[in-house]
PDB file of N, CA and C in Angstrom:
ATOM      1  N   MET A   1       2.570   0.534  11.794  1.00  0.00           N
ATOM      2  CA  MET A   1       4.337  -0.417  11.788  1.00  0.00           C
ATOM      3  C   MET A   1       5.050   1.074  11.124  1.00  0.00           C
ATOM      4  N   GLY A   2       6.559   0.078  11.407  1.00  0.00           N
ATOM      5  CA  GLY A   2       6.520   1.462  12.214  1.00  0.00           C
ATOM      6  C   GLY A   2       7.686   1.324  12.536  1.00  0.00           C
ATOM      7  N   ASP A   3       7.454   0.764  14.063  1.00  0.00           N
ATOM      8  CA  ASP A   3       7.005   0.386  15.298  1.00  0.00           C
ATOM      9  C   ASP A   3       8.221   1.055  16.269  1.00  0.00           C
ATOM     10  N   ARG A   4       7.300   2.195  16.399  1.00  0.00           N
ATOM     11  CA  ARG A   4       7.790   3.224  17.057  1.00  0.00           C
ATOM     12  C   ARG A   4       9.550   3.480  17.050  1.00  0.00           C
ATOM     13  N   GLN A   5       9.787   2.998  15.823  1.00  0.00           N
ATOM     14  CA  GLN A   5      11.675   3.477  15.512  1.00  0.00           C
ATOM     15  C   GLN A   5      11.175   5.144  14.331  1.00  0.00           C
ATOM     16  N   SER A   6      12.347   5.501  14.282  1.00  0.00           N
ATOM     17  CA  SER A   6      12.539   7.115  13.643  1.00  0.00           C
ATOM     18  C   SER A   6      12.416   7.074  12.873  1.00  0.00           C
ATOM     19  N   VAL A   7      11.555   8.039  11.681  1.00  0.00           N
ATOM     20  CA  VAL A   7      10.442   7.652  10.585  1.00  0.00           C
ATOM     21  C   VAL A   7      12.664   8.374   9.187  1.00  0.00           C
ATOM     22  N   PRO A   8      12.523   6.953   8.838  1.00  0.00           N
ATOM     23  CA  PRO A   8      13.755   7.151   7.551  1.00  0.00           C
ATOM     24  C   PRO A   8      13.928   8.433   6.979  1.00  0.00           C
ATOM     25  N   SER A   9      14.955   8.836   6.025  1.00  0.00           N
ATOM     26  CA  SER A   9      14.575  10.347   5.646  1.00  0.00           C
ATOM     27  C   SER A   9      14.979   9.493   4.226  1.00  0.00           C
ATOM     28  N   ASN A  10      14.856   8.671   3.619  1.00  0.00           N
ATOM     29  CA  ASN A  10      14.214   7.870   2.420  1.00  0.00           C
ATOM     30  C   ASN A  10      13.339   6.532   2.500  1.00  0.00           C
ATOM     31  N   PHE A  11      13.238   6.918   1.678  1.00  0.00           N
ATOM     32  CA  PHE A  11      11.785   6.056   1.336  1.00  0.00           C
ATOM     33  C   PHE A  11      11.901   4.847  -0.425  1.00  0.00           C
ATOM     34  N   VAL A  12      11.623   3.514  -0.082  1.00  0.00           N
ATOM     35  CA  VAL A  12      11.565   2.522  -1.529  1.00  0.00           C
ATOM     36  C   VAL A  12       9.755   2.797  -1.589  1.00  0.00           C
ATOM     37  N   LEU A  13       8.943   2.873  -2.229  1.00  0.00           N
ATOM     38  CA  LEU A  13       8.406   3.188  -2.426  1.00  0.00           C
ATOM     39  C   LEU A  13       8.019   1.970  -2.624  1.00  0.00           C
ATOM     40  N   VAL A  14       6.110   0.978  -2.648  1.00  0.00           N
ATOM     41  CA  VAL A  14       5.905   0.188  -2.721  1.00  0.00           C
ATOM     42  C   VAL A  14       4.231  -0.636  -3.170  1.00  0.00           C
ATOM     43  N   SER A  15       3.885  -0.157  -3.936  1.00  0.00           N
ATOM     44  CA  SER A  15       2.213  -0.380  -5.011  1.00  0.00           C
ATOM     45  C   SER A  15       2.112  -1.182  -5.442  1.00  0.00           C
ATOM     46  N   GLY A  16       0.731  -1.587  -5.390  1.00  0.00           N
ATOM     47  CA  GLY A  16       0.086  -3.260  -5.429  1.00  0.00           C
ATOM     48  C   GLY A  16      -0.891  -2.433  -5.799  1.00  0.00           C
ATOM     49  N   ILE A  17      -1.129  -1.189  -6.709  1.00  0.00           N
ATOM     50  CA  ILE A  17      -2.831  -0.386  -6.580  1.00  0.00           C
ATOM     51  C   ILE A  17      -3.074  -0.460  -7.852  1.00  0.00           C
ATOM     52  N   ALA A  18      -4.365  -0.230  -8.043  1.00  0.00           N
ATOM     53  CA  ALA A  18      -4.161   0.071 -10.221  1.00  0.00           C
ATOM     54  C   ALA A  18      -4.005   1.143  -9.781  1.00  0.00           C
ATOM     55  N   ASN A  19      -3.988   2.613  -9.851  1.00  0.00           N
ATOM     56  CA  ASN A  19      -3.191   3.337 -10.720  1.00  0.00           C
ATOM     57  C   ASN A  19      -2.309   3.959  -9.185  1.00  0.00           C
ATOM     58  N   ASP A  20      -1.671   4.180  -8.843  1.00  0.00           N
ATOM     59  CA  ASP A  20      -0.581   4.596  -8.229  1.00  0.00           C
ATOM     60  C   ASP A  20      -0.456   6.014  -8.282  1.00  0.00           C
ATOM     61  N   GLN A  21      -0.218   7.173  -9.687  1.00  0.00           N
ATOM     62  CA  GLN A  21       0.127   8.066  -9.871  1.00  0.00           C
ATOM     63  C   GLN A  21      -0.188   8.600  -8.470  1.00  0.00           C
ATOM     64  N   LEU A  22      -0.987   8.889  -7.980  1.00  0.00           N
ATOM     65  CA  LEU A  22      -1.802   9.656  -6.977  1.00  0.00           C
ATOM     66  C   LEU A  22      -0.960   9.091  -6.004  1.00  0.00           C
ATOM     67  N   PHE A  23      -0.779   8.348  -5.427  1.00  0.00           N
ATOM     68  CA  PHE A  23       0.022   7.501  -3.986  1.00  0.00           C
ATOM     69  C   PHE A  23       1.020   8.095  -4.494  1.00  0.00           C
ATOM     70  N   ARG A  24       1.480   7.803  -5.309  1.00  0.00           N
ATOM     71  CA  ARG A  24       3.563   8.576  -5.538  1.00  0.00           C
ATOM     72  C   ARG A  24       3.331   9.631  -5.248  1.00  0.00           C
ATOM     73  N   LYS A  25       2.389  10.545  -5.735  1.00  0.00           N
ATOM     74  CA  LYS A  25       2.306  11.971  -6.051  1.00  0.00           C
ATOM     75  C   LYS A  25       2.131  12.284  -4.290  1.00  0.00           C
ATOM     76  N   GLU A  26       1.552  11.694  -3.223  1.00  0.00           N
ATOM     77  CA  GLU A  26       1.325  11.917  -2.393  1.00  0.00           C
ATOM     78  C   GLU A  26       2.249  11.626  -1.446  1.00  0.00           C
ATOM     79  N   ALA A  27       3.070  10.513  -1.365  1.00  0.00           N
ATOM     80  CA  ALA A  27       4.151  10.280  -1.166  1.00  0.00           C
ATOM     81  C   ALA A  27       5.787  11.168  -1.245  1.00  0.00           C
ATOM     82  N   GLU A  28       5.795  11.797  -2.155  1.00  0.00           N
ATOM     83  CA  GLU A  28       6.701  12.356  -2.831  1.00  0.00           C
ATOM     84  C   GLU A  28       6.276  13.667  -2.129  1.00  0.00           C
ATOM     85  N   LYS A  29       5.019  14.459  -1.745  1.00  0.00           N
ATOM     86  CA  LYS A  29       5.361  15.705  -1.165  1.00  0.00           C
ATOM     87  C   LYS A  29       5.545  15.845   0.014  1.00  0.00           C
ATOM     88  N   LYS A  30       5.686  14.229   1.160  1.00  0.00           N
ATOM     89  CA  LYS A  30       5.721  14.077   2.265  1.00  0.00           C
ATOM     90  C   LYS A  30       7.528  13.992   2.105  1.00  0.00           C
ATOM     91  N   HIS A  31       7.773  13.297   1.788  1.00  0.00           N
ATOM     92  CA  HIS A  31       9.083  12.649   1.591  1.00  0.00           C
ATOM     93  C   HIS A  31      10.278  11.774   0.057  1.00  0.00           C
ATOM     94  N   GLN A  32      11.343  11.846   0.865  1.00  0.00           N
ATOM     95  CA  GLN A  32      11.589  11.761  -0.222  1.00  0.00           C
ATOM     96  C   GLN A  32      12.223  10.013  -0.679  1.00  0.00           C
ATOM     97  N   ILE A  33      11.994  10.315  -1.799  1.00  0.00           N
ATOM     98  CA  ILE A  33      11.145   8.640  -2.410  1.00  0.00           C
ATOM     99  C   ILE A  33      12.870   8.661  -2.898  1.00  0.00           C
ATOM    100  N   SER A  34      13.435   7.135  -3.161  1.00  0.00           N
ATOM    101  CA  SER A  34      14.324   6.162  -3.699  1.00  0.00           C
ATOM    102  C   SER A  34      13.998   5.873  -5.224  1.00  0.00           C
ATOM    103  N   TYR A  35      13.284   5.104  -4.841  1.00  0.00           N
ATOM    104  CA  TYR A  35      13.159   4.018  -5.947  1.00  0.00           C
ATOM    105  C   TYR A  35      11.397   3.755  -5.717  1.00  0.00           C
ATOM    106  N   HIS A  36      10.577   3.249  -6.906  1.00  0.00           N
ATOM    107  CA  HIS A  36       9.101   2.865  -6.511  1.00  0.00           C
ATOM    108  C   HIS A  36       8.815   1.627  -7.435  1.00  0.00           C
ATOM    109  N   PHE A  37       8.945   0.624  -6.934  1.00  0.00           N
ATOM    110  CA  PHE A  37       8.349  -0.781  -7.173  1.00  0.00           C
ATOM    111  C   PHE A  37       7.393  -0.982  -7.575  1.00  0.00           C
ATOM    112  N   SER A  38       6.813  -0.916  -8.364  1.00  0.00           N
ATOM    113  CA  SER A  38       5.167  -0.250  -8.895  1.00  0.00           C
ATOM    114  C   SER A  38       4.291  -1.588  -9.632  1.00  0.00           C
ATOM    115  N   PHE A  39       3.593  -2.264  -8.705  1.00  0.00           N
ATOM    116  CA  PHE A  39       3.253  -3.768  -9.203  1.00  0.00           C
ATOM    117  C   PHE A  39       1.342  -3.139  -9.863  1.00  0.00           C
ATOM    118  N   SER A  40       0.669  -4.055  -9.818  1.00  0.00           N
ATOM    119  CA  SER A  40       0.180  -4.205 -11.181  1.00  0.00           C
ATOM    120  C   SER A  40      -0.718  -4.713  -9.314  1.00  0.00           C
ATOM    121  N   ASP A  41      -2.433  -3.820  -9.474  1.00  0.00           N
ATOM    122  CA  ASP A  41      -3.694  -4.585  -8.798  1.00  0.00           C
ATOM    123  C   ASP A  41      -3.870  -5.834  -8.018  1.00  0.00           C
ATOM    124  N   HIS A  42      -4.014  -5.659  -6.488  1.00  0.00           N
ATOM    125  CA  HIS A  42      -4.112  -7.102  -5.462  1.00  0.00           C
ATOM    126  C   HIS A  42      -2.532  -8.351  -6.082  1.00  0.00           C
ATOM    127  N   HIS A  43      -1.357  -7.241  -6.440  1.00  0.00           N
ATOM    128  CA  HIS A  43      -0.492  -8.393  -6.658  1.00  0.00           C
ATOM    129  C   HIS A  43      -0.213 -10.104  -5.106  1.00  0.00           C
ATOM    130  N   HIS A  44       0.402 -10.241  -5.827  1.00  0.00           N
ATOM    131  CA  HIS A  44       0.130 -11.987  -5.447  1.00  0.00           C
ATOM    132  C   HIS A  44       2.599 -10.821  -4.801  1.00  0.00           C
ATOM    133  N   TYR A  45       2.996 -10.386  -3.929  1.00  0.00           N
ATOM    134  CA  TYR A  45       4.208 -10.752  -3.559  1.00  0.00           C
ATOM    135  C   TYR A  45       4.868 -12.438  -3.416  1.00  0.00           C
ATOM    136  N   LYS A  46       6.514 -12.193  -3.774  1.00  0.00           N
ATOM    137  CA  LYS A  46       6.982 -13.351  -4.349  1.00  0.00           C
ATOM    138  C   LYS A  46       8.325 -13.714  -2.799  1.00  0.00           C
ATOM    139  N   THR A  47       8.719 -13.829  -2.631  1.00  0.00           N
ATOM    140  CA  THR A  47      10.302 -14.021  -2.089  1.00  0.00           C
ATOM    141  C   THR A  47      10.964 -12.556  -3.005  1.00  0.00           C
ATOM    142  N   ASP A  48      11.500 -13.846  -4.457  1.00  0.00           N
ATOM    143  CA  ASP A  48      12.547 -12.991  -5.503  1.00  0.00           C
ATOM    144  C   ASP A  48      11.472 -11.065  -5.262  1.00  0.00           C
ATOM    145  N   HIS A  49      10.693 -11.068  -5.676  1.00  0.00           N
ATOM    146  CA  HIS A  49       9.963  -9.678  -5.125  1.00  0.00           C
ATOM    147  C   HIS A  49      10.640  -8.656  -3.804  1.00  0.00           C
ATOM    148  N   ILE A  50       9.887  -9.158  -2.549  1.00  0.00           N
ATOM    149  CA  ILE A  50      10.967  -9.379  -0.972  1.00  0.00           C
ATOM    150  C   ILE A  50      12.324  -8.846  -1.190  1.00  0.00           C
ATOM    151  N   LYS A  51      12.977  -9.425  -1.902  1.00  0.00           N
ATOM    152  CA  LYS A  51      14.594  -9.479  -2.338  1.00  0.00           C
ATOM    153  C   LYS A  51      14.685  -8.568  -2.827  1.00  0.00           C
ATOM    154  N   GLU A  52      14.673  -8.856  -4.444  1.00  0.00           N
ATOM    155  CA  GLU A  52      14.843  -7.403  -5.052  1.00  0.00           C
ATOM    156  C   GLU A  52      14.453  -5.496  -3.933  1.00  0.00           C
ATOM    157  N   ILE A  53      13.168  -5.786  -3.397  1.00  0.00           N
ATOM    158  CA  ILE A  53      13.208  -4.422  -2.738  1.00  0.00           C
ATOM    159  C   ILE A  53      14.346  -4.031  -1.191  1.00  0.00           C
ATOM    160  N   VAL A  54      14.177  -5.069  -0.152  1.00  0.00           N
ATOM    161  CA  VAL A  54      14.776  -4.997   0.183  1.00  0.00           C
ATOM    162  C   VAL A  54      16.921  -4.949  -0.569  1.00  0.00           C
ATOM    163  N   SER A  55      17.254  -5.545  -1.116  1.00  0.00           N
ATOM    164  CA  SER A  55      17.816  -5.021  -2.094  1.00  0.00           C
ATOM    165  C   SER A  55      18.455  -3.493  -2.119  1.00  0.00           C
ATOM    166  N   LYS A  56      16.968  -3.275  -2.676  1.00  0.00           N
ATOM    167  CA  LYS A  56      17.312  -1.854  -3.371  1.00  0.00           C
ATOM    168  C   LYS A  56      17.449  -1.054  -1.812  1.00  0.00           C
ATOM    169  N   CYS A  57      16.757  -0.630  -1.102  1.00  0.00           N
ATOM    170  CA  CYS A  57      16.610  -0.230   0.584  1.00  0.00           C
ATOM    171  C   CYS A  57      17.834  -1.056   1.020  1.00  0.00           C
ATOM    172  N   LYS A  58      18.846  -1.929   0.680  1.00  0.00           N
ATOM    173  CA  LYS A  58      20.234  -1.373   1.488  1.00  0.00           C
ATOM    174  C   LYS A  58      20.953  -0.456   0.649  1.00  0.00           C
ATOM    175  N   GLU A  59      20.311  -0.400  -0.834  1.00  0.00           N
ATOM    176  CA  GLU A  59      21.061   0.062  -1.196  1.00  0.00           C
ATOM    177  C   GLU A  59      21.039   1.632  -0.964  1.00  0.00           C
ATOM    178  N   VAL A  60      20.183   2.215  -0.585  1.00  0.00           N
ATOM    179  CA  VAL A  60      20.156   3.595   0.105  1.00  0.00           C
ATOM    180  C   VAL A  60      20.206   3.491   1.331  1.00  0.00           C
ATOM    181  N   LYS A  61      20.795   4.533   1.886  1.00  0.00           N
ATOM    182  CA  LYS A  61      21.096   4.335   3.247  1.00  0.00           C
ATOM    183  C   LYS A  61      19.559   5.703   4.265  1.00  0.00           C
ATOM    184  N   GLU A  62      19.805   4.865   5.688  1.00  0.00           N
ATOM    185  CA  GLU A  62      18.692   5.074   6.161  1.00  0.00           C
ATOM    186  C   GLU A  62      17.486   5.694   5.289  1.00  0.00           C
ATOM    187  N   SER A  63      16.850   3.901   4.631  1.00  0.00           N
ATOM    188  CA  SER A  63      15.912   4.183   3.814  1.00  0.00           C
ATOM    189  C   SER A  63      15.224   2.972   4.611  1.00  0.00           C
ATOM    190  N   GLY A  64      13.611   2.593   4.440  1.00  0.00           N
ATOM    191  CA  GLY A  64      12.174   1.845   4.569  1.00  0.00           C
ATOM    192  C   GLY A  64      11.452   2.531   3.929  1.00  0.00           C
ATOM    193  N   ILE A  65      10.656   1.411   4.299  1.00  0.00           N
ATOM    194  CA  ILE A  65       9.912   1.143   2.706  1.00  0.00           C
ATOM    195  C   ILE A  65       8.337   1.671   3.349  1.00  0.00           C
ATOM    196  N   LEU A  66       7.526   2.681   1.611  1.00  0.00           N
ATOM    197  CA  LEU A  66       7.168   3.833   2.608  1.00  0.00           C
ATOM    198  C   LEU A  66       5.360   2.216   1.383  1.00  0.00           C
ATOM    199  N   THR A  67       5.041   2.086   1.998  1.00  0.00           N
ATOM    200  CA  THR A  67       3.429   1.609   0.700  1.00  0.00           C
ATOM    201  C   THR A  67       1.980   1.548   0.994  1.00  0.00           C
ATOM    202  N   THR A  68       1.578   1.058   0.471  1.00  0.00           N
ATOM    203  CA  THR A  68      -0.303   1.745   1.376  1.00  0.00           C
ATOM    204  C   THR A  68       0.034   0.774   2.376  1.00  0.00           C
ATOM    205  N   GLU A  69      -2.206   0.425   2.820  1.00  0.00           N
ATOM    206  CA  GLU A  69      -2.253   0.087   4.285  1.00  0.00           C
ATOM    207  C   GLU A  69      -2.671  -1.481   3.553  1.00  0.00           C
ATOM    208  N   LYS A  70      -3.052  -1.826   2.227  1.00  0.00           N
ATOM    209  CA  LYS A  70      -3.128  -2.829   1.689  1.00  0.00           C
ATOM    210  C   LYS A  70      -2.775  -3.448   1.625  1.00  0.00           C
ATOM    211  N   ASP A  71      -0.945  -2.731   0.916  1.00  0.00           N
ATOM    212  CA  ASP A  71       0.161  -4.037   1.019  1.00  0.00           C
ATOM    213  C   ASP A  71       0.641  -4.037   1.927  1.00  0.00           C
ATOM    214  N   ALA A  72       1.165  -3.035   2.832  1.00  0.00           N
ATOM    215  CA  ALA A  72       1.368  -3.118   3.793  1.00  0.00           C
ATOM    216  C   ALA A  72       1.470  -5.098   4.873  1.00  0.00           C
ATOM    217  N   VAL A  73      -0.206  -5.269   4.652  1.00  0.00           N
ATOM    218  CA  VAL A  73      -0.256  -6.212   5.105  1.00  0.00           C
ATOM    219  C   VAL A  73       0.076  -8.085   4.916  1.00  0.00           C
ATOM    220  N   LYS A  74       0.054  -6.900   3.532  1.00  0.00           N
ATOM    221  CA  LYS A  74       0.956  -8.264   1.982  1.00  0.00           C
ATOM    222  C   LYS A  74       2.057  -9.224   2.804  1.00  0.00           C
ATOM    223  N   LEU A  75       2.643  -7.300   2.974  1.00  0.00           N
ATOM    224  CA  LEU A  75       4.518  -7.993   3.085  1.00  0.00           C
ATOM    225  C   LEU A  75       4.408  -8.280   4.522  1.00  0.00           C
ATOM    226  N   LYS A  76       3.783  -7.925   5.533  1.00  0.00           N
ATOM    227  CA  LYS A  76       3.992  -8.546   6.432  1.00  0.00           C
ATOM    228  C   LYS A  76       3.188  -9.821   6.902  1.00  0.00           C
ATOM    229  N   ALA A  77       3.555 -10.332   5.978  1.00  0.00           N
ATOM    230  CA  ALA A  77       3.409 -12.355   5.997  1.00  0.00           C
ATOM    231  C   ALA A  77       4.161 -13.271   6.317  1.00  0.00           C
ATOM    232  N   SER A  78       4.152 -13.945   7.035  1.00  0.00           N
ATOM    233  CA  SER A  78       5.604 -14.475   8.134  1.00  0.00           C
ATOM    234  C   SER A  78       6.157 -15.207   6.687  1.00  0.00           C
ATOM    235  N   ILE A  79       5.758 -15.018   6.314  1.00  0.00           N
ATOM    236  CA  ILE A  79       6.968 -15.511   4.921  1.00  0.00           C
ATOM    237  C   ILE A  79       8.206 -15.140   3.963  1.00  0.00           C
ATOM    238  N   PHE A  80       7.921 -13.536   4.728  1.00  0.00           N
ATOM    239  CA  PHE A  80       8.867 -12.613   4.505  1.00  0.00           C
ATOM    240  C   PHE A  80       9.306 -11.567   5.762  1.00  0.00           C
ATOM    241  N   ARG A  81       9.071 -11.502   6.719  1.00  0.00           N
ATOM    242  CA  ARG A  81       9.788 -11.770   8.295  1.00  0.00           C
ATOM    243  C   ARG A  81      11.056 -11.949   7.929  1.00  0.00           C
ATOM    244  N   ASP A  82      11.569 -12.696   7.504  1.00  0.00           N
ATOM    245  CA  ASP A  82      12.903 -12.864   7.595  1.00  0.00           C
ATOM    246  C   ASP A  82      13.230 -12.143   6.830  1.00  0.00           C
ATOM    247  N   TYR A  83      13.314 -11.928   5.256  1.00  0.00           N
ATOM    248  CA  TYR A  83      13.958 -11.013   5.349  1.00  0.00           C
ATOM    249  C   TYR A  83      13.414  -9.011   5.130  1.00  0.00           C
ATOM    250  N   LEU A  84      12.553  -8.828   5.438  1.00  0.00           N
ATOM    251  CA  LEU A  84      11.951  -7.455   6.181  1.00  0.00           C
ATOM    252  C   LEU A  84      12.043  -7.131   7.546  1.00  0.00           C
ATOM    253  N   ALA A  85      12.451  -7.752   7.808  1.00  0.00           N
ATOM    254  CA  ALA A  85      13.042  -8.187   9.523  1.00  0.00           C
ATOM    255  C   ALA A  85      13.933  -6.672  10.527  1.00  0.00           C
ATOM    256  N   GLU A  86      14.737  -6.088   9.266  1.00  0.00           N
ATOM    257  CA  GLU A  86      15.765  -5.253   9.694  1.00  0.00           C
ATOM    258  C   GLU A  86      15.548  -3.819   8.987  1.00  0.00           C
ATOM    259  N   ILE A  87      13.983  -4.007   8.271  1.00  0.00           N
ATOM    260  CA  ILE A  87      13.845  -3.054   7.707  1.00  0.00           C
ATOM    261  C   ILE A  87      12.500  -2.039   7.174  1.00  0.00           C
ATOM    262  N   PRO A  88      12.065  -0.855   8.061  1.00  0.00           N
ATOM    263  CA  PRO A  88      10.855  -0.954   8.298  1.00  0.00           C
ATOM    264  C   PRO A  88      10.231  -0.136   7.682  1.00  0.00           C
ATOM    265  N   ILE A  89       9.305  -0.502   7.903  1.00  0.00           N
ATOM    266  CA  ILE A  89       7.835  -0.064   7.202  1.00  0.00           C
ATOM    267  C   ILE A  89       6.999   0.803   7.744  1.00  0.00           C
ATOM    268  N   PHE A  90       6.388   1.716   6.905  1.00  0.00           N
ATOM    269  CA  PHE A  90       5.773   2.698   6.944  1.00  0.00           C
ATOM    270  C   PHE A  90       4.352   2.509   6.014  1.00  0.00           C
ATOM    271  N   ALA A  91       3.229   2.300   6.506  1.00  0.00           N
ATOM    272  CA  ALA A  91       2.070   2.651   5.408  1.00  0.00           C
ATOM    273  C   ALA A  91       1.194   4.314   4.803  1.00  0.00           C
ATOM    274  N   MET A  92       1.159   4.516   4.008  1.00  0.00           N
ATOM    275  CA  MET A  92       0.458   5.564   3.441  1.00  0.00           C
ATOM    276  C   MET A  92      -1.299   5.161   3.311  1.00  0.00           C
ATOM    277  N   PRO A  93      -2.324   5.712   4.569  1.00  0.00           N
ATOM    278  CA  PRO A  93      -2.966   5.648   4.172  1.00  0.00           C
ATOM    279  C   PRO A  93      -3.993   6.184   3.155  1.00  0.00           C
ATOM    280  N   VAL A  94      -4.385   5.522   1.874  1.00  0.00           N
ATOM    281  CA  VAL A  94      -5.272   5.958   0.897  1.00  0.00           C
ATOM    282  C   VAL A  94      -6.556   6.024   1.076  1.00  0.00           C
ATOM    283  N   GLU A  95      -7.127   6.743   0.873  1.00  0.00           N
ATOM    284  CA  GLU A  95      -8.258   7.372   0.617  1.00  0.00           C
ATOM    285  C   GLU A  95      -8.996   7.882  -0.135  1.00  0.00           C
ATOM    286  N   ILE A  96     -10.581   6.809  -0.190  1.00  0.00           N
ATOM    287  CA  ILE A  96     -10.957   7.302  -1.964  1.00  0.00           C
ATOM    288  C   ILE A  96     -12.271   8.491  -2.410  1.00  0.00           C
ATOM    289  N   ASN A  97     -12.711   8.938  -2.178  1.00  0.00           N
ATOM    290  CA  ASN A  97     -13.641  10.556  -2.299  1.00  0.00           C
ATOM    291  C   ASN A  97     -14.291  11.005  -3.662  1.00  0.00           C
ATOM    292  N   MET A  98     -15.307  10.649  -2.796  1.00  0.00           N
ATOM    293  CA  MET A  98     -16.094  10.615  -4.347  1.00  0.00           C
ATOM    294  C   MET A  98     -17.643  11.035  -4.532  1.00  0.00           C
ATOM    295  N   GLU A  99     -18.522  12.531  -4.802  1.00  0.00           N
ATOM    296  CA  GLU A  99     -19.239  13.106  -5.012  1.00  0.00           C
ATOM    297  C   GLU A  99     -20.238  12.476  -4.180  1.00  0.00           C
ATOM    298  N   ILE A 100     -21.482  12.976  -4.301  1.00  0.00           N
ATOM    299  CA  ILE A 100     -21.741  12.859  -3.428  1.00  0.00           C
ATOM    300  C   ILE A 100     -22.924  11.903  -4.318  1.00  0.00           C
ATOM    301  N   LYS A 101     -23.061  12.393  -6.088  1.00  0.00           N
ATOM    302  CA  LYS A 101     -24.153  11.788  -6.125  1.00  0.00           C
ATOM    303  C   LYS A 101     -23.961  10.203  -6.655  1.00  0.00           C
ATOM    304  N   ASP A 102     -22.529  10.019  -6.873  1.00  0.00           N
ATOM    305  CA  ASP A 102     -21.365   9.031  -7.455  1.00  0.00           C
ATOM    306  C   ASP A 102     -21.815   7.329  -5.824  1.00  0.00           C
ATOM    307  N   ALA A 103     -21.790   8.573  -4.056  1.00  0.00           N
ATOM    308  CA  ALA A 103     -21.502   8.030  -3.217  1.00  0.00           C
ATOM    309  C   ALA A 103     -23.297   7.315  -3.189  1.00  0.00           C
ATOM    310  N   ASP A 104     -24.174   7.884  -3.839  1.00  0.00           N
ATOM    311  CA  ASP A 104     -25.219   7.400  -3.708  1.00  0.00           C
ATOM    312  C   ASP A 104     -26.210   6.793  -4.230  1.00  0.00           C
ATOM    313  N   PHE A 105     -25.306   6.780  -5.695  1.00  0.00           N
ATOM    314  CA  PHE A 105     -25.663   5.380  -6.620  1.00  0.00           C
ATOM    315  C   PHE A 105     -25.135   4.094  -6.470  1.00  0.00           C
ATOM    316  N   ILE A 106     -24.004   4.625  -5.618  1.00  0.00           N
ATOM    317  CA  ILE A 106     -23.514   2.650  -4.852  1.00  0.00           C
ATOM    318  C   ILE A 106     -24.137   2.238  -3.120  1.00  0.00           C
ATOM    319  N   LYS A 107     -24.241   3.443  -3.493  1.00  0.00           N
ATOM    320  CA  LYS A 107     -25.914   2.557  -2.050  1.00  0.00           C
ATOM    321  C   LYS A 107     -26.754   2.031  -2.220  1.00  0.00           C
ATOM    322  N   GLU A 108     -27.287   3.005  -3.532  1.00  0.00           N
ATOM    323  CA  GLU A 108     -28.533   2.493  -4.640  1.00  0.00           C
ATOM    324  C   GLU A 108     -28.646   0.764  -4.632  1.00  0.00           C
ATOM    325  N   SER A 109     -27.566   0.926  -5.483  1.00  0.00           N
ATOM    326  CA  SER A 109     -27.287  -0.515  -6.662  1.00  0.00           C
ATOM    327  C   SER A 109     -26.662  -1.711  -4.621  1.00  0.00           C
ATOM    328  N   ILE A 110     -26.129  -1.268  -4.272  1.00  0.00           N
ATOM    329  CA  ILE A 110     -26.141  -1.988  -2.951  1.00  0.00           C
ATOM    330  C   ILE A 110     -27.754  -2.473  -2.517  1.00  0.00           C
ATOM    331  N   LEU A 111     -27.846  -1.058  -1.916  1.00  0.00           N
ATOM    332  CA  LEU A 111     -29.767  -1.491  -1.356  1.00  0.00           C
ATOM    333  C   LEU A 111     -30.578  -2.920  -2.662  1.00  0.00           C
ATOM    334  N   GLN A 112     -30.499  -1.910  -4.161  1.00  0.00           N
ATOM    335  CA  GLN A 112     -30.624  -3.401  -4.791  1.00  0.00           C
ATOM    336  C   GLN A 112     -30.474  -4.910  -4.856  1.00  0.00           C
ATOM    337  N   VAL A 113     -29.305  -4.871  -4.682  1.00  0.00           N
ATOM    338  CA  VAL A 113     -28.593  -6.654  -4.833  1.00  0.00           C
ATOM    339  C   VAL A 113     -29.980  -7.123  -3.408  1.00  0.00           C
ATOM    340  N   ILE A 114     -29.219  -6.491  -1.723  1.00  0.00           N
ATOM    341  CA  ILE A 114     -29.579  -7.051  -1.054  1.00  0.00           C
ATOM    342  C   ILE A 114     -31.537  -7.502  -1.365  1.00  0.00           C
ATOM    343  N   LYS A 115     -31.651  -6.760  -1.101  1.00  0.00           N
ATOM    344  CA  LYS A 115     -34.111  -6.666  -2.013  1.00  0.00           C
ATOM    345  C   LYS A 115     -33.564  -7.900  -2.668  1.00  0.00           C
ATOM    346  N   GLU A 116     -32.985  -7.673  -3.497  1.00  0.00           N
ATOM    347  CA  GLU A 116     -32.952  -9.057  -4.718  1.00  0.00           C
ATOM    348  C   GLU A 116     -32.692 -10.135  -4.477  1.00  0.00           C
ATOM    349  N   LYS A 117     -31.812 -10.280  -3.250  1.00  0.00           N
ATOM    350  CA  LYS A 117     -31.221 -11.480  -1.971  1.00  0.00           C
ATOM    351  C   LYS A 117     -32.680 -12.549  -1.248  1.00  0.00           C
ATOM    352  N   GLY A 118     -33.620 -10.568  -0.954  1.00  0.00           N
ATOM    353  CA  GLY A 118     -33.830 -10.707  -0.181  1.00  0.00           C
ATOM    354  C   GLY A 118     -34.129 -11.250   1.732  1.00  0.00           C
ATOM    355  N   TYR A 119     -32.836  -9.535   1.668  1.00  0.00           N
ATOM    356  CA  TYR A 119     -32.367  -9.655   2.717  1.00  0.00           C
ATOM    357  C   TYR A 119     -33.305  -8.162   3.343  1.00  0.00           C
ATOM    358  N   SER A 120     -33.742  -8.485   4.544  1.00  0.00           N
ATOM    359  CA  SER A 120     -34.721  -6.646   5.037  1.00  0.00           C
ATOM    360  C   SER A 120     -32.665  -5.800   5.260  1.00  0.00           C
ATOM    361  N   GLU A 121     -33.878  -4.797   5.024  1.00  0.00           N
ATOM    362  CA  GLU A 121     -33.590  -3.671   4.612  1.00  0.00           C
ATOM    363  C   GLU A 121     -33.125  -2.748   6.561  1.00  0.00           C
TER     364      GLU A 121
END
């Protein structure tokens, strides 16, 4: 995202994830965050939300939107294209790190479900 535009000096942070505090802290380490729109996990953006975000971006000089990869896809929906056409959008990847025992537990749980459904490994 960001289409080869220069990186803005300020960002409006937009997140629709369960616990966005870590996301915000990481964003603040690298960027100037002017405002944070914090929505619930799996948020369904509406035109009114987009208008508020765009309004905030226009209030803050040289700003863009910084969001998660998941939310960037939602913001790129054709219904919002006209509103966000002049606002640069940048996505910050979110990684999931877990201990090996937790990863193994998840893997074993998935394999068990596959086995119960009759699929072969």
